[in-house]
Amino acid sequence: MQPALNPDLRYPDYVFLNRWAIRNRDIQRGDIVCIVSPKVPNQTLIKRVVGLAGDIIGTHGYKIGALQVPEGHCWLEGDHVGHSMDSNTFGPISLGLVTAKATHIVWPPNRWQHLQPAKPNHEGC
């Protein structure tokens, strides 16, 4: 999720994961969410929501160039496109795999901040 998270790898960011925020599946484009990895179930990933059900998504290296996100799914990408295990690797993600929304950076102290939903930066792709 660089550069939004962990801009300095010597001092990794710790984020507050709000499980309550996703209880109604109220997930918006730009949110940073925590998911259970579809490939390695004991691994958790943090990615940005790029598309929701019904959206047409242009992919980056997925098996097809564009797709419509199916009902009950979302399309997730890391902010560092091309260097991230995300929907471009495993396709649309079931909303059932979303476990929390990252809402704040809580450590290190100089990085304390509320994480605002943002459109990922795909310049140069």
C-alpha atoms as a PDB file:
ATOM      1  CA  MET A   1       0.000   0.000   0.000  1.00  0.00           C
ATOM      2  CA  GLN A   2       2.901   2.339  -0.523  1.00  0.00           C
ATOM      3  CA  PRO A   3       2.954   5.292  -0.618  1.00  0.00           C
ATOM      4  CA  ALA A   4      -0.287   5.748   1.407  1.00  0.00           C
ATOM      5  CA  LEU A   5       1.019   3.369   4.078  1.00  0.00           C
ATOM      6  CA  ASN A   6       4.613   2.608   5.006  1.00  0.00           C
ATOM      7  CA  PRO A   7       6.339   5.419   3.085  1.00  0.00           C
ATOM      8  CA  ASP A   8       9.478   4.784   5.169  1.00  0.00           C
ATOM      9  CA  LEU A   9      10.066   1.041   5.496  1.00  0.00           C
ATOM     10  CA  ARG A  10      12.352   1.602   8.502  1.00  0.00           C
ATOM     11  CA  TYR A  11       9.290   2.756  10.484  1.00  0.00           C
ATOM     12  CA  PRO A  12       6.251   0.740   9.360  1.00  0.00           C
ATOM     13  CA  ASP A  13       2.781   2.159   9.874  1.00  0.00           C
ATOM     14  CA  TYR A  14       0.399   0.516  12.305  1.00  0.00           C
ATOM     15  CA  VAL A  15      -3.242   1.077  11.421  1.00  0.00           C
ATOM     16  CA  PHE A  16      -6.483   0.899  13.362  1.00  0.00           C
ATOM     17  CA  LEU A  17      -8.711  -1.755  11.768  1.00  0.00           C
ATOM     18  CA  ASN A  18     -12.348  -0.918  12.430  1.00  0.00           C
ATOM     19  CA  ARG A  19     -14.369  -4.156  12.194  1.00  0.00           C
ATOM     20  CA  TRP A  20     -17.551  -2.323  13.201  1.00  0.00           C
ATOM     21  CA  ALA A  21     -17.342  -0.085  10.105  1.00  0.00           C
ATOM     22  CA  ILE A  22     -18.003  -2.979   7.719  1.00  0.00           C
ATOM     23  CA  ARG A  23     -20.846  -4.659   9.619  1.00  0.00           C
ATOM     24  CA  ASN A  24     -23.377  -3.432   7.019  1.00  0.00           C
ATOM     25  CA  ARG A  25     -20.952  -3.940   4.127  1.00  0.00           C
ATOM     26  CA  ASP A  26     -20.860  -0.152   3.776  1.00  0.00           C
ATOM     27  CA  ILE A  27     -17.721  -0.110   1.667  1.00  0.00           C
ATOM     28  CA  GLN A  28     -16.996   2.797  -0.666  1.00  0.00           C
ATOM     29  CA  ARG A  29     -14.572   3.327  -3.523  1.00  0.00           C
ATOM     30  CA  GLY A  30     -11.300   4.627  -2.109  1.00  0.00           C
ATOM     31  CA  ASP A  31     -11.638   2.916   1.284  1.00  0.00           C
ATOM     32  CA  ILE A  32      -8.644   0.973   2.566  1.00  0.00           C
ATOM     33  CA  VAL A  33      -9.812  -2.438   3.755  1.00  0.00           C
ATOM     34  CA  CYS A  34      -8.369  -5.535   5.363  1.00  0.00           C
ATOM     35  CA  ILE A  35      -9.204  -8.875   3.744  1.00  0.00           C
ATOM     36  CA  VAL A  36      -8.504 -12.550   4.192  1.00  0.00           C
ATOM     37  CA  SER A  37      -6.247 -13.483   1.293  1.00  0.00           C
ATOM     38  CA  PRO A  38      -8.120 -15.552  -1.297  1.00  0.00           C
ATOM     39  CA  LYS A  39      -4.876 -17.434  -2.075  1.00  0.00           C
ATOM     40  CA  VAL A  40      -3.444 -17.896   1.453  1.00  0.00           C
ATOM     41  CA  PRO A  41      -6.349 -17.955   3.958  1.00  0.00           C
ATOM     42  CA  ASN A  42      -4.149 -17.458   7.044  1.00  0.00           C
ATOM     43  CA  GLN A  43      -2.740 -14.234   5.553  1.00  0.00           C
ATOM     44  CA  THR A  44      -4.383 -10.810   5.763  1.00  0.00           C
ATOM     45  CA  LEU A  45      -3.944  -8.098   3.154  1.00  0.00           C
ATOM     46  CA  ILE A  46      -4.654  -4.377   3.193  1.00  0.00           C
ATOM     47  CA  LYS A  47      -5.802  -2.917  -0.131  1.00  0.00           C
ATOM     48  CA  ARG A  48      -7.792  -0.008  -1.558  1.00  0.00           C
ATOM     49  CA  VAL A  49     -11.312  -0.468  -2.963  1.00  0.00           C
ATOM     50  CA  VAL A  50     -11.219   0.542  -6.631  1.00  0.00           C
ATOM     51  CA  GLY A  51     -14.533  -0.868  -7.829  1.00  0.00           C
ATOM     52  CA  LEU A  52     -17.861  -2.094  -6.471  1.00  0.00           C
ATOM     53  CA  ALA A  53     -20.568  -4.366  -7.881  1.00  0.00           C
ATOM     54  CA  GLY A  54     -21.590  -3.271 -11.359  1.00  0.00           C
ATOM     55  CA  ASP A  55     -18.503  -1.123 -12.024  1.00  0.00           C
ATOM     56  CA  ILE A  56     -16.525  -1.699 -15.216  1.00  0.00           C
ATOM     57  CA  ILE A  57     -12.847  -1.993 -14.281  1.00  0.00           C
ATOM     58  CA  GLY A  58      -9.805  -1.698 -16.510  1.00  0.00           C
ATOM     59  CA  THR A  59      -7.352  -4.241 -15.148  1.00  0.00           C
ATOM     60  CA  HIS A  60      -3.556  -4.180 -14.897  1.00  0.00           C
ATOM     61  CA  GLY A  61      -2.187  -7.602 -15.826  1.00  0.00           C
ATOM     62  CA  TYR A  62      -5.327  -9.624 -15.037  1.00  0.00           C
ATOM     63  CA  LYS A  63      -6.317 -12.379 -17.501  1.00  0.00           C
ATOM     64  CA  ILE A  64      -8.717  -9.987 -19.279  1.00  0.00           C
ATOM     65  CA  GLY A  65      -8.307  -6.272 -19.910  1.00  0.00           C
ATOM     66  CA  ALA A  66     -11.658  -5.151 -18.480  1.00  0.00           C
ATOM     67  CA  LEU A  67     -14.507  -6.683 -16.506  1.00  0.00           C
ATOM     68  CA  GLN A  68     -17.691  -5.867 -14.651  1.00  0.00           C
ATOM     69  CA  VAL A  69     -17.450  -6.429 -10.910  1.00  0.00           C
ATOM     70  CA  PRO A  70     -20.045  -9.091  -9.972  1.00  0.00           C
ATOM     71  CA  GLU A  71     -22.729  -8.578  -7.319  1.00  0.00           C
ATOM     72  CA  GLY A  72     -21.408  -9.222  -3.806  1.00  0.00           C
ATOM     73  CA  HIS A  73     -17.817  -8.494  -4.843  1.00  0.00           C
ATOM     74  CA  CYS A  74     -15.357  -5.606  -5.045  1.00  0.00           C
ATOM     75  CA  TRP A  75     -12.163  -4.893  -6.942  1.00  0.00           C
ATOM     76  CA  LEU A  76      -9.131  -4.149  -4.741  1.00  0.00           C
ATOM     77  CA  GLU A  77      -5.734  -2.800  -5.693  1.00  0.00           C
ATOM     78  CA  GLY A  78      -2.613  -1.734  -3.862  1.00  0.00           C
ATOM     79  CA  ASP A  79      -1.546   1.860  -4.390  1.00  0.00           C
ATOM     80  CA  HIS A  80       1.733   0.671  -5.929  1.00  0.00           C
ATOM     81  CA  VAL A  81       0.201  -0.767  -9.111  1.00  0.00           C
ATOM     82  CA  GLY A  82       2.095  -3.642 -10.632  1.00  0.00           C
ATOM     83  CA  HIS A  83       3.880  -4.440  -7.381  1.00  0.00           C
ATOM     84  CA  SER A  84       0.952  -5.680  -5.347  1.00  0.00           C
ATOM     85  CA  MET A  85      -0.924  -8.922  -4.714  1.00  0.00           C
ATOM     86  CA  ASP A  86      -4.440  -7.668  -5.379  1.00  0.00           C
ATOM     87  CA  SER A  87      -7.462  -8.194  -7.632  1.00  0.00           C
ATOM     88  CA  ASN A  88      -5.161  -8.021 -10.646  1.00  0.00           C
ATOM     89  CA  THR A  89      -3.738 -11.289  -9.302  1.00  0.00           C
ATOM     90  CA  PHE A  90      -6.864 -13.052  -8.009  1.00  0.00           C
ATOM     91  CA  GLY A  91      -9.812 -11.234  -9.557  1.00  0.00           C
ATOM     92  CA  PRO A  92     -12.885  -9.734  -7.871  1.00  0.00           C
ATOM     93  CA  ILE A  93     -12.973 -10.250  -4.093  1.00  0.00           C
ATOM     94  CA  SER A  94     -16.063 -11.503  -2.284  1.00  0.00           C
ATOM     95  CA  LEU A  95     -17.314  -8.933   0.248  1.00  0.00           C
ATOM     96  CA  GLY A  96     -17.361 -11.825   2.718  1.00  0.00           C
ATOM     97  CA  LEU A  97     -13.538 -11.736   2.757  1.00  0.00           C
ATOM     98  CA  VAL A  98     -13.482  -8.101   3.926  1.00  0.00           C
ATOM     99  CA  THR A  99     -12.826  -8.136   7.678  1.00  0.00           C
ATOM    100  CA  ALA A 100     -12.255  -4.456   8.546  1.00  0.00           C
ATOM    101  CA  LYS A 101     -11.752  -0.933   7.281  1.00  0.00           C
ATOM    102  CA  ALA A 102      -8.437   0.805   8.020  1.00  0.00           C
ATOM    103  CA  THR A 103      -9.448   4.181   9.445  1.00  0.00           C
ATOM    104  CA  HIS A 104      -6.377   5.654  11.157  1.00  0.00           C
ATOM    105  CA  ILE A 105      -2.606   5.397  11.250  1.00  0.00           C
ATOM    106  CA  VAL A 106      -1.795   5.038  14.955  1.00  0.00           C
ATOM    107  CA  TRP A 107       1.973   4.499  14.859  1.00  0.00           C
ATOM    108  CA  PRO A 108       4.531   6.021  14.532  1.00  0.00           C
ATOM    109  CA  PRO A 109       3.351   9.205  16.263  1.00  0.00           C
ATOM    110  CA  ASN A 110       4.572  11.534  13.514  1.00  0.00           C
ATOM    111  CA  ARG A 111       2.211   9.722  11.095  1.00  0.00           C
ATOM    112  CA  TRP A 112      -0.974   9.873  13.241  1.00  0.00           C
ATOM    113  CA  GLN A 113      -3.819  10.615  10.872  1.00  0.00           C
ATOM    114  CA  HIS A 114      -7.296   9.700   9.750  1.00  0.00           C
ATOM    115  CA  LEU A 115      -7.201   7.711   6.493  1.00  0.00           C
ATOM    116  CA  GLN A 116      -9.433   9.473   4.005  1.00  0.00           C
ATOM    117  CA  PRO A 117     -10.906   7.483   1.115  1.00  0.00           C
ATOM    118  CA  ALA A 118      -8.926   8.357  -1.996  1.00  0.00           C
ATOM    119  CA  LYS A 119      -8.756   7.353  -5.593  1.00  0.00           C
ATOM    120  CA  PRO A 120      -5.597   5.308  -6.200  1.00  0.00           C
ATOM    121  CA  ASN A 121      -2.833   6.959  -8.198  1.00  0.00           C
ATOM    122  CA  HIS A 122      -2.424   4.998 -11.446  1.00  0.00           C
ATOM    123  CA  GLU A 123      -0.264   7.471 -13.304  1.00  0.00           C
ATOM    124  CA  GLY A 124       2.177   5.907 -15.708  1.00  0.00           C
ATOM    125  CA  CYS A 125       0.125   2.753 -16.212  1.00  0.00           C
END
